[in-house]
């Protein structure tokens, strides 16, 4: 006769809870990082190029006769297009120009220079701005638009960079300090 077999015990199920949770927890952030990186490097540059609209309108200085112009330059970073109910106010982004009614005569003078420089830049020919037909708006209802011009060599000239380089505006980006135009 064969020896009796020892009783078989049912093996306790493996506790996978902690290990399985850890395994899933590191996958989710890695997946999010991969998707975010793909968006940042692949889709964002493509999406950023979309929505740029060519502009061939001519601009006068506000307060002077428009004589065929479709809009006017209010100050160094604001435009008006159209008249009456079709009137649109546009705030040009990427820089901050001094105010026309500034805190001191020096700021007023610099504001007039910025206004004239913007008028001249816009008058040099066609340019483009972003935002397509539905641009974002600020708290005053003005359209917010970045402006650039394609140059003959294929490069782009951004209005904000030009105004800042000429000392007629300050950077309005994240972390930039306000400029004291009176100092």
N, C-alpha and C. Protein backbone atom coordinates (compact mmCIF):
# COMPACT_ATOMS: atom_id res chain seq x y z
N UNK A 1 0.79 -1.15 0.00
CA UNK A 1 0.00 0.00 0.00
C UNK A 1 0.86 1.25 0.00
N UNK A 2 0.37 2.20 -0.69
CA UNK A 2 1.14 3.45 -0.81
C UNK A 2 0.93 4.31 0.42
N UNK A 3 1.98 5.03 0.69
CA UNK A 3 1.91 5.92 1.86
C UNK A 3 0.87 7.00 1.61
N UNK A 4 0.12 7.34 2.66
CA UNK A 4 -0.89 8.38 2.45
C UNK A 4 -0.22 9.72 2.14
N UNK A 5 -0.85 10.39 1.26
CA UNK A 5 -0.33 11.72 0.86
C UNK A 5 -0.69 12.74 1.91
N UNK A 6 0.22 13.63 2.16
CA UNK A 6 -0.13 14.67 3.12
C UNK A 6 -1.28 15.51 2.55
N UNK A 7 -2.08 16.04 3.43
CA UNK A 7 -3.21 16.83 2.93
C UNK A 7 -2.71 18.07 2.17
N UNK A 8 -3.39 18.37 1.08
CA UNK A 8 -3.03 19.55 0.27
C UNK A 8 -3.76 20.74 0.83
N UNK A 9 -3.00 21.73 1.06
CA UNK A 9 -3.62 22.96 1.51
C UNK A 9 -3.78 23.87 0.32
N UNK A 10 -4.87 24.53 0.33
CA UNK A 10 -5.10 25.49 -0.73
C UNK A 10 -4.17 26.67 -0.50
N UNK A 11 -3.52 27.01 -1.51
CA UNK A 11 -2.58 28.11 -1.40
C UNK A 11 -3.34 29.42 -1.29
N UNK A 12 -2.90 30.26 -0.41
CA UNK A 12 -3.57 31.56 -0.24
C UNK A 12 -3.35 32.37 -1.51
N UNK A 13 -4.37 33.08 -1.95
CA UNK A 13 -4.20 33.90 -3.16
C UNK A 13 -3.13 34.97 -2.92
N UNK A 14 -2.42 35.24 -3.96
CA UNK A 14 -1.35 36.21 -3.88
C UNK A 14 -1.92 37.60 -3.69
N UNK A 15 -1.34 38.31 -2.79
CA UNK A 15 -1.80 39.68 -2.57
C UNK A 15 -1.08 40.57 -3.55
N UNK A 16 -1.81 41.04 -4.52
CA UNK A 16 -1.20 41.85 -5.56
C UNK A 16 -1.54 43.32 -5.38
N UNK A 17 -2.30 43.62 -4.39
CA UNK A 17 -2.78 44.98 -4.22
C UNK A 17 -1.69 46.04 -4.23
N UNK A 18 -0.74 45.93 -3.34
CA UNK A 18 0.29 46.98 -3.23
C UNK A 18 1.17 47.03 -4.47
N UNK A 19 1.63 45.88 -4.91
CA UNK A 19 2.51 45.85 -6.06
C UNK A 19 1.78 46.30 -7.31
N UNK A 20 0.56 45.85 -7.49
CA UNK A 20 -0.20 46.25 -8.68
C UNK A 20 -0.50 47.74 -8.66
N UNK A 21 -0.83 48.28 -7.49
CA UNK A 21 -1.09 49.71 -7.42
C UNK A 21 0.16 50.51 -7.74
N UNK A 22 1.30 50.07 -7.23
CA UNK A 22 2.54 50.78 -7.53
C UNK A 22 2.84 50.72 -9.02
N UNK A 23 2.62 49.54 -9.60
CA UNK A 23 2.87 49.36 -11.02
C UNK A 23 2.00 50.31 -11.84
N UNK A 24 0.75 50.52 -11.47
CA UNK A 24 -0.14 51.42 -12.20
C UNK A 24 0.17 52.88 -11.91
N UNK A 25 0.57 53.17 -10.68
CA UNK A 25 0.82 54.56 -10.32
C UNK A 25 1.95 55.18 -11.10
N UNK A 26 2.98 54.47 -11.41
CA UNK A 26 4.07 55.10 -12.15
C UNK A 26 3.76 55.17 -13.63
N UNK A 27 2.85 54.32 -14.14
CA UNK A 27 2.50 54.35 -15.55
C UNK A 27 1.71 55.61 -15.92
N UNK A 28 0.79 56.01 -15.08
CA UNK A 28 -0.07 57.16 -15.39
C UNK A 28 0.74 58.44 -15.57
N UNK A 29 1.62 58.81 -14.62
CA UNK A 29 2.41 60.03 -14.85
C UNK A 29 3.31 59.94 -16.07
N UNK A 30 3.87 58.75 -16.32
CA UNK A 30 4.73 58.60 -17.50
C UNK A 30 3.91 58.78 -18.77
N UNK A 31 2.73 58.21 -18.81
CA UNK A 31 1.86 58.38 -19.98
C UNK A 31 1.48 59.85 -20.16
N UNK A 32 1.14 60.52 -19.08
CA UNK A 32 0.81 61.95 -19.16
C UNK A 32 2.01 62.75 -19.66
N UNK A 33 3.20 62.42 -19.18
CA UNK A 33 4.41 63.13 -19.62
C UNK A 33 4.66 62.91 -21.10
N UNK A 34 4.46 61.69 -21.59
CA UNK A 34 4.68 61.40 -23.01
C UNK A 34 3.68 62.17 -23.87
N UNK A 35 2.42 62.15 -23.49
CA UNK A 35 1.39 62.88 -24.26
C UNK A 35 1.67 64.38 -24.23
N UNK A 36 2.04 64.91 -23.08
CA UNK A 36 2.35 66.34 -22.98
C UNK A 36 3.55 66.71 -23.83
N UNK A 37 4.58 65.90 -23.81
CA UNK A 37 5.76 66.18 -24.62
C UNK A 37 5.42 66.12 -26.10
N UNK A 38 4.63 65.16 -26.51
CA UNK A 38 4.23 65.07 -27.91
C UNK A 38 3.44 66.31 -28.32
N UNK A 39 2.53 66.75 -27.47
CA UNK A 39 1.77 67.97 -27.78
C UNK A 39 2.71 69.16 -27.89
N UNK A 40 3.61 69.31 -26.93
CA UNK A 40 4.50 70.47 -26.88
C UNK A 40 5.40 70.55 -28.11
N UNK A 41 5.96 69.43 -28.52
CA UNK A 41 6.93 69.44 -29.60
C UNK A 41 6.33 69.21 -30.98
N UNK A 42 5.19 68.56 -31.07
CA UNK A 42 4.63 68.24 -32.38
C UNK A 42 3.43 69.10 -32.76
N UNK A 43 2.42 69.13 -31.91
CA UNK A 43 1.18 69.83 -32.29
C UNK A 43 1.23 71.33 -32.02
N UNK A 44 1.81 71.75 -30.89
CA UNK A 44 1.78 73.17 -30.52
C UNK A 44 2.40 74.07 -31.57
N UNK A 45 3.59 73.77 -32.13
CA UNK A 45 4.11 74.67 -33.17
C UNK A 45 3.19 74.75 -34.39
N UNK A 46 2.58 73.61 -34.74
CA UNK A 46 1.66 73.61 -35.87
C UNK A 46 0.42 74.45 -35.55
N UNK A 47 -0.13 74.27 -34.35
CA UNK A 47 -1.32 75.02 -33.95
C UNK A 47 -1.02 76.50 -33.82
N UNK A 48 0.21 76.82 -33.35
CA UNK A 48 0.58 78.22 -33.19
C UNK A 48 0.63 78.94 -34.53
N UNK A 49 1.00 78.24 -35.59
CA UNK A 49 1.06 78.85 -36.91
C UNK A 49 -0.33 79.03 -37.51
N UNK A 50 -1.29 78.29 -37.02
CA UNK A 50 -2.65 78.43 -37.52
C UNK A 50 -3.28 79.67 -36.92
N UNK A 51 -4.18 80.27 -37.63
CA UNK A 51 -4.90 81.42 -37.09
C UNK A 51 -4.25 82.76 -37.39
N UNK A 52 -3.14 82.78 -38.14
CA UNK A 52 -2.54 84.05 -38.53
C UNK A 52 -3.27 84.56 -39.77
N UNK A 53 -3.71 85.81 -39.70
CA UNK A 53 -4.53 86.40 -40.75
C UNK A 53 -3.76 87.54 -41.41
N UNK A 54 -3.64 87.53 -42.74
CA UNK A 54 -2.98 88.65 -43.40
C UNK A 54 -3.82 89.93 -43.28
N UNK A 55 -3.13 91.05 -43.07
CA UNK A 55 -3.81 92.34 -42.94
C UNK A 55 -3.18 93.30 -43.96
N UNK A 56 -4.03 93.88 -44.78
CA UNK A 56 -3.55 94.85 -45.77
C UNK A 56 -4.18 96.23 -45.55
N UNK A 57 -4.89 96.39 -44.44
CA UNK A 57 -5.55 97.66 -44.13
C UNK A 57 -4.52 98.76 -43.95
N UNK A 58 -4.95 99.98 -44.23
CA UNK A 58 -4.09 101.13 -43.96
C UNK A 58 -4.60 101.81 -42.69
N UNK A 59 -3.68 102.46 -41.98
CA UNK A 59 -4.01 103.06 -40.70
C UNK A 59 -3.55 104.51 -40.66
N UNK A 60 -4.42 105.37 -40.17
CA UNK A 60 -4.10 106.77 -39.92
C UNK A 60 -3.85 106.93 -38.42
N UNK A 61 -3.48 108.11 -38.00
CA UNK A 61 -3.39 108.40 -36.57
C UNK A 61 -4.78 108.85 -36.12
N UNK A 62 -5.28 108.30 -35.03
CA UNK A 62 -6.59 108.71 -34.53
C UNK A 62 -6.57 110.20 -34.20
N UNK A 63 -7.64 110.86 -34.52
CA UNK A 63 -7.72 112.31 -34.30
C UNK A 63 -7.36 113.10 -35.53
N UNK A 64 -6.83 112.44 -36.55
CA UNK A 64 -6.53 113.08 -37.83
C UNK A 64 -7.45 112.51 -38.89
N UNK A 65 -7.63 113.19 -40.01
CA UNK A 65 -8.50 112.65 -41.06
C UNK A 65 -7.98 111.29 -41.56
N UNK A 66 -8.91 110.34 -41.72
CA UNK A 66 -8.52 109.00 -42.12
C UNK A 66 -8.18 108.93 -43.60
N UNK A 67 -8.80 109.72 -44.42
CA UNK A 67 -8.57 109.79 -45.88
C UNK A 67 -8.29 108.42 -46.50
N UNK A 68 -9.27 107.54 -46.45
CA UNK A 68 -9.16 106.23 -47.09
C UNK A 68 -8.62 105.13 -46.20
N UNK A 69 -8.18 105.45 -45.02
CA UNK A 69 -7.67 104.42 -44.12
C UNK A 69 -8.83 103.64 -43.52
N UNK A 70 -8.58 102.37 -43.23
CA UNK A 70 -9.62 101.53 -42.63
C UNK A 70 -9.60 101.58 -41.11
N UNK A 71 -8.52 102.10 -40.54
CA UNK A 71 -8.41 102.15 -39.09
C UNK A 71 -7.46 103.24 -38.67
N UNK A 72 -7.28 103.35 -37.35
CA UNK A 72 -6.36 104.36 -36.84
C UNK A 72 -5.58 103.83 -35.64
N UNK A 73 -4.44 104.47 -35.40
CA UNK A 73 -3.56 104.12 -34.30
C UNK A 73 -3.90 105.01 -33.11
N UNK A 74 -4.35 104.42 -32.02
CA UNK A 74 -4.73 105.17 -30.82
C UNK A 74 -3.49 105.57 -30.04
N UNK A 75 -2.66 104.57 -29.74
CA UNK A 75 -1.41 104.82 -29.02
C UNK A 75 -0.40 103.76 -29.46
N UNK A 76 0.65 103.54 -28.71
CA UNK A 76 1.71 102.64 -29.13
C UNK A 76 1.35 101.18 -29.13
N UNK A 77 0.19 100.80 -28.59
CA UNK A 77 -0.19 99.38 -28.61
C UNK A 77 -1.69 99.15 -28.80
N UNK A 78 -2.41 100.15 -29.33
CA UNK A 78 -3.85 100.01 -29.53
C UNK A 78 -4.25 100.56 -30.89
N UNK A 79 -5.13 99.80 -31.59
CA UNK A 79 -5.66 100.21 -32.88
C UNK A 79 -7.18 100.22 -32.83
N UNK A 80 -7.78 100.96 -33.75
CA UNK A 80 -9.23 100.94 -33.95
C UNK A 80 -9.47 100.65 -35.41
N UNK A 81 -10.37 99.72 -35.70
CA UNK A 81 -10.77 99.41 -37.07
C UNK A 81 -12.24 99.72 -37.22
N UNK A 82 -12.61 100.32 -38.34
CA UNK A 82 -14.01 100.57 -38.65
C UNK A 82 -14.60 101.74 -37.88
N UNK A 83 -15.86 102.03 -38.21
CA UNK A 83 -16.61 103.12 -37.58
C UNK A 83 -17.96 102.62 -37.10
N UNK A 84 -18.58 103.39 -36.25
CA UNK A 84 -19.94 103.10 -35.80
C UNK A 84 -20.06 101.77 -35.11
N UNK A 85 -21.09 100.99 -35.47
CA UNK A 85 -21.33 99.72 -34.81
C UNK A 85 -20.31 98.65 -35.23
N UNK A 86 -19.63 98.87 -36.33
CA UNK A 86 -18.62 97.91 -36.80
C UNK A 86 -17.23 98.23 -36.23
N UNK A 87 -17.16 99.15 -35.29
CA UNK A 87 -15.89 99.58 -34.71
C UNK A 87 -15.30 98.47 -33.84
N UNK A 88 -14.01 98.18 -34.05
CA UNK A 88 -13.30 97.15 -33.28
C UNK A 88 -12.06 97.77 -32.68
N UNK A 89 -11.86 97.54 -31.39
CA UNK A 89 -10.64 97.99 -30.71
C UNK A 89 -9.71 96.79 -30.58
N UNK A 90 -8.43 97.00 -30.90
CA UNK A 90 -7.46 95.92 -30.91
C UNK A 90 -6.27 96.30 -30.05
N UNK A 91 -5.95 95.45 -29.09
CA UNK A 91 -4.78 95.65 -28.22
C UNK A 91 -3.69 94.73 -28.74
N UNK A 92 -2.57 95.30 -29.15
CA UNK A 92 -1.46 94.53 -29.68
C UNK A 92 -0.66 93.97 -28.50
N UNK A 93 -0.36 92.68 -28.56
CA UNK A 93 0.24 92.00 -27.41
C UNK A 93 1.74 91.78 -27.58
N UNK A 94 2.37 91.40 -26.48
CA UNK A 94 3.79 91.10 -26.48
C UNK A 94 4.64 92.24 -25.96
N UNK A 95 4.04 93.39 -25.79
CA UNK A 95 4.76 94.55 -25.28
C UNK A 95 3.77 95.52 -24.65
N UNK A 96 4.30 96.47 -23.90
CA UNK A 96 3.46 97.47 -23.25
C UNK A 96 4.06 98.84 -23.55
N UNK A 97 3.31 99.67 -24.23
CA UNK A 97 3.77 101.01 -24.60
C UNK A 97 3.38 102.01 -23.51
N UNK A 98 4.12 103.13 -23.43
CA UNK A 98 3.75 104.16 -22.45
C UNK A 98 2.37 104.74 -22.76
N UNK A 99 1.72 105.25 -21.74
CA UNK A 99 0.37 105.78 -21.89
C UNK A 99 0.39 107.21 -22.42
N UNK A 100 -0.59 107.52 -23.26
CA UNK A 100 -0.67 108.87 -23.85
C UNK A 100 -0.89 109.92 -22.77
N UNK A 101 -1.66 109.60 -21.77
CA UNK A 101 -1.87 110.52 -20.65
C UNK A 101 -1.10 109.95 -19.47
N UNK A 102 0.21 109.98 -19.59
CA UNK A 102 1.08 109.36 -18.61
C UNK A 102 1.22 110.16 -17.33
N UNK A 103 2.09 109.66 -16.48
CA UNK A 103 2.30 110.25 -15.15
C UNK A 103 3.20 111.48 -15.19
N UNK A 104 3.91 111.69 -16.31
CA UNK A 104 4.84 112.82 -16.38
C UNK A 104 5.03 113.21 -17.85
N UNK A 105 5.60 114.38 -18.11
CA UNK A 105 5.84 114.81 -19.49
C UNK A 105 6.75 113.85 -20.26
N UNK A 106 7.71 113.22 -19.59
CA UNK A 106 8.61 112.28 -20.28
C UNK A 106 7.83 111.09 -20.82
N UNK A 107 6.88 110.58 -20.03
CA UNK A 107 6.06 109.45 -20.50
C UNK A 107 5.17 109.88 -21.65
N UNK A 108 4.61 111.08 -21.58
CA UNK A 108 3.77 111.57 -22.67
C UNK A 108 4.56 111.67 -23.96
N UNK A 109 5.79 112.17 -23.88
CA UNK A 109 6.64 112.30 -25.06
C UNK A 109 6.96 110.93 -25.63
N UNK A 110 7.33 109.99 -24.75
CA UNK A 110 7.66 108.63 -25.20
C UNK A 110 6.43 107.95 -25.81
N UNK A 111 5.25 108.23 -25.27
CA UNK A 111 4.01 107.66 -25.81
C UNK A 111 3.74 108.18 -27.22
N UNK A 112 3.98 109.45 -27.46
CA UNK A 112 3.81 110.00 -28.81
C UNK A 112 4.80 109.37 -29.78
N UNK A 113 6.04 109.15 -29.32
CA UNK A 113 7.05 108.50 -30.16
C UNK A 113 6.64 107.07 -30.48
N UNK A 114 6.12 106.36 -29.50
CA UNK A 114 5.68 104.97 -29.70
C UNK A 114 4.50 104.93 -30.67
N UNK A 115 3.59 105.84 -30.53
CA UNK A 115 2.43 105.91 -31.43
C UNK A 115 2.89 106.14 -32.86
N UNK A 116 3.82 107.07 -33.06
CA UNK A 116 4.33 107.37 -34.39
C UNK A 116 5.09 106.17 -34.96
N UNK A 117 5.89 105.52 -34.13
CA UNK A 117 6.65 104.34 -34.58
C UNK A 117 5.70 103.21 -35.00
N UNK A 118 4.63 102.98 -34.24
CA UNK A 118 3.65 101.96 -34.60
C UNK A 118 3.00 102.32 -35.94
N UNK A 119 2.63 103.58 -36.10
CA UNK A 119 2.01 104.03 -37.35
C UNK A 119 2.94 103.78 -38.54
N UNK A 120 4.21 104.08 -38.37
CA UNK A 120 5.18 103.87 -39.44
C UNK A 120 5.38 102.38 -39.73
N UNK A 121 5.45 101.54 -38.68
CA UNK A 121 5.65 100.11 -38.86
C UNK A 121 4.47 99.52 -39.64
N UNK A 122 3.25 99.91 -39.26
CA UNK A 122 2.06 99.39 -39.95
C UNK A 122 2.01 99.88 -41.39
N UNK A 123 2.52 101.08 -41.64
CA UNK A 123 2.48 101.67 -42.98
C UNK A 123 3.51 101.09 -43.93
N UNK A 124 4.43 100.26 -43.45
CA UNK A 124 5.46 99.69 -44.32
C UNK A 124 4.94 98.57 -45.21
N UNK A 125 3.69 98.20 -45.08
CA UNK A 125 3.14 97.17 -45.95
C UNK A 125 2.37 96.12 -45.20
N UNK A 126 1.96 95.08 -45.94
CA UNK A 126 1.14 94.02 -45.34
C UNK A 126 1.84 93.35 -44.17
N UNK A 127 1.03 92.92 -43.22
CA UNK A 127 1.52 92.19 -42.05
C UNK A 127 0.46 91.17 -41.71
N UNK A 128 0.66 90.44 -40.64
CA UNK A 128 -0.35 89.47 -40.22
C UNK A 128 -0.47 89.49 -38.70
N UNK A 129 -1.66 89.12 -38.24
CA UNK A 129 -1.87 89.00 -36.81
C UNK A 129 -2.59 87.71 -36.51
N UNK A 130 -2.44 87.26 -35.27
CA UNK A 130 -3.02 85.97 -34.89
C UNK A 130 -4.42 86.18 -34.33
N UNK A 131 -5.08 85.06 -34.09
CA UNK A 131 -6.41 85.12 -33.49
C UNK A 131 -7.52 84.78 -34.45
N UNK A 132 -7.22 84.71 -35.75
CA UNK A 132 -8.22 84.40 -36.78
C UNK A 132 -9.47 85.26 -36.61
N UNK A 133 -10.65 84.64 -36.75
CA UNK A 133 -11.89 85.41 -36.68
C UNK A 133 -12.38 85.61 -35.25
N UNK A 134 -11.91 84.79 -34.32
CA UNK A 134 -12.36 84.88 -32.93
C UNK A 134 -11.16 85.01 -31.99
N UNK A 135 -10.52 86.17 -31.95
CA UNK A 135 -9.36 86.33 -31.06
C UNK A 135 -9.80 86.43 -29.60
N UNK A 136 -8.88 86.16 -28.69
CA UNK A 136 -9.22 86.38 -27.28
C UNK A 136 -9.42 87.87 -27.01
N UNK A 137 -10.09 88.19 -25.93
CA UNK A 137 -10.37 89.58 -25.59
C UNK A 137 -9.92 89.87 -24.16
N UNK A 138 -9.61 91.13 -23.91
CA UNK A 138 -9.23 91.53 -22.55
C UNK A 138 -10.46 91.98 -21.78
N UNK A 139 -10.25 92.46 -20.56
CA UNK A 139 -11.38 92.83 -19.70
C UNK A 139 -12.15 94.04 -20.23
N UNK A 140 -11.57 94.78 -21.19
CA UNK A 140 -12.25 95.94 -21.77
C UNK A 140 -12.93 95.60 -23.09
N UNK A 141 -12.89 94.34 -23.50
CA UNK A 141 -13.52 93.92 -24.75
C UNK A 141 -12.65 94.09 -25.98
N UNK A 142 -11.40 94.52 -25.81
CA UNK A 142 -10.51 94.69 -26.95
C UNK A 142 -10.00 93.33 -27.43
N UNK A 143 -9.87 93.20 -28.75
CA UNK A 143 -9.25 92.00 -29.31
C UNK A 143 -7.77 92.01 -28.93
N UNK A 144 -7.24 90.85 -28.61
CA UNK A 144 -5.82 90.71 -28.29
C UNK A 144 -5.13 90.02 -29.45
N UNK A 145 -4.15 90.71 -30.06
CA UNK A 145 -3.50 90.16 -31.25
C UNK A 145 -2.00 90.42 -31.23
N UNK A 146 -1.25 89.38 -31.61
CA UNK A 146 0.19 89.52 -31.81
C UNK A 146 0.39 89.86 -33.29
N UNK A 147 1.37 90.70 -33.59
CA UNK A 147 1.57 91.18 -34.97
C UNK A 147 2.98 90.84 -35.44
N UNK A 148 3.06 90.41 -36.69
CA UNK A 148 4.36 90.12 -37.29
C UNK A 148 4.29 90.40 -38.79
N UNK A 149 5.47 90.46 -39.38
CA UNK A 149 5.57 90.68 -40.82
C UNK A 149 6.58 89.70 -41.38
N UNK A 150 6.26 89.11 -42.52
CA UNK A 150 7.20 88.23 -43.20
C UNK A 150 8.16 89.09 -44.00
N UNK A 151 9.45 88.83 -43.85
CA UNK A 151 10.47 89.58 -44.56
C UNK A 151 10.85 88.86 -45.85
N UNK A 152 11.57 89.55 -46.72
CA UNK A 152 11.94 89.00 -48.02
C UNK A 152 12.79 87.74 -47.89
N UNK A 153 13.60 87.64 -46.85
CA UNK A 153 14.47 86.48 -46.69
C UNK A 153 13.76 85.29 -46.04
N UNK A 154 12.47 85.41 -45.80
CA UNK A 154 11.68 84.32 -45.21
C UNK A 154 11.57 84.38 -43.70
N UNK A 155 12.35 85.24 -43.07
CA UNK A 155 12.26 85.38 -41.61
C UNK A 155 11.05 86.23 -41.25
N UNK A 156 10.81 86.36 -39.96
CA UNK A 156 9.66 87.15 -39.51
C UNK A 156 10.13 88.24 -38.56
N UNK A 157 9.53 89.39 -38.70
CA UNK A 157 9.80 90.53 -37.81
C UNK A 157 8.56 90.70 -36.94
N UNK A 158 8.75 90.59 -35.64
CA UNK A 158 7.64 90.74 -34.70
C UNK A 158 7.59 92.19 -34.22
N UNK A 159 6.42 92.77 -34.25
CA UNK A 159 6.24 94.16 -33.83
C UNK A 159 6.71 94.36 -32.40
N UNK A 160 6.38 93.45 -31.50
CA UNK A 160 6.75 93.60 -30.09
C UNK A 160 8.26 93.72 -29.94
N UNK A 161 9.01 92.86 -30.61
CA UNK A 161 10.48 92.92 -30.53
C UNK A 161 11.01 94.25 -31.05
N UNK A 162 10.44 94.73 -32.15
CA UNK A 162 10.88 96.00 -32.74
C UNK A 162 10.64 97.15 -31.78
N UNK A 163 9.46 97.21 -31.19
CA UNK A 163 9.14 98.32 -30.28
C UNK A 163 10.02 98.27 -29.03
N UNK A 164 10.29 97.07 -28.50
CA UNK A 164 11.13 96.94 -27.31
C UNK A 164 12.57 97.31 -27.64
N UNK A 165 13.09 96.83 -28.77
CA UNK A 165 14.46 97.14 -29.17
C UNK A 165 14.68 98.63 -29.35
N UNK A 166 13.67 99.34 -29.83
CA UNK A 166 13.80 100.79 -30.04
C UNK A 166 13.61 101.58 -28.75
N UNK A 167 13.29 100.91 -27.66
CA UNK A 167 13.11 101.58 -26.38
C UNK A 167 11.79 102.31 -26.26
N UNK A 168 10.83 101.94 -27.11
CA UNK A 168 9.53 102.60 -27.12
C UNK A 168 8.46 101.78 -26.40
N UNK A 169 8.85 100.66 -25.85
CA UNK A 169 7.91 99.80 -25.14
C UNK A 169 8.70 98.91 -24.19
N UNK A 170 7.98 98.32 -23.25
CA UNK A 170 8.61 97.37 -22.33
C UNK A 170 8.03 96.00 -22.58
N UNK A 171 8.77 94.99 -22.17
CA UNK A 171 8.32 93.62 -22.30
C UNK A 171 7.13 93.41 -21.37
N UNK A 172 6.11 92.72 -21.87
CA UNK A 172 4.94 92.47 -21.02
C UNK A 172 4.80 91.00 -20.70
N UNK A 173 5.88 90.24 -20.87
CA UNK A 173 5.83 88.81 -20.61
C UNK A 173 5.84 88.47 -19.14
N UNK A 174 5.78 87.18 -18.86
CA UNK A 174 5.75 86.67 -17.49
C UNK A 174 7.02 87.07 -16.77
N UNK A 175 6.85 87.68 -15.61
CA UNK A 175 7.99 88.05 -14.79
C UNK A 175 8.67 89.35 -15.16
N UNK A 176 8.17 90.04 -16.16
CA UNK A 176 8.81 91.30 -16.55
C UNK A 176 8.39 92.40 -15.58
N UNK A 177 9.32 93.28 -15.31
CA UNK A 177 9.07 94.37 -14.37
C UNK A 177 8.53 95.57 -15.14
N UNK A 178 7.60 96.32 -14.54
CA UNK A 178 7.08 97.51 -15.22
C UNK A 178 8.18 98.58 -15.33
N UNK A 179 8.12 99.32 -16.42
CA UNK A 179 9.12 100.36 -16.66
C UNK A 179 8.60 101.69 -16.12
N UNK A 180 9.47 102.41 -15.46
CA UNK A 180 9.13 103.75 -14.99
C UNK A 180 9.57 104.73 -16.08
N UNK A 181 8.62 105.16 -16.90
CA UNK A 181 8.92 106.04 -18.02
C UNK A 181 9.32 107.43 -17.54
N UNK A 182 9.07 107.76 -16.30
CA UNK A 182 9.39 109.08 -15.77
C UNK A 182 10.80 109.13 -15.16
N UNK A 183 11.43 107.97 -14.95
CA UNK A 183 12.70 107.90 -14.27
C UNK A 183 13.89 108.17 -15.12
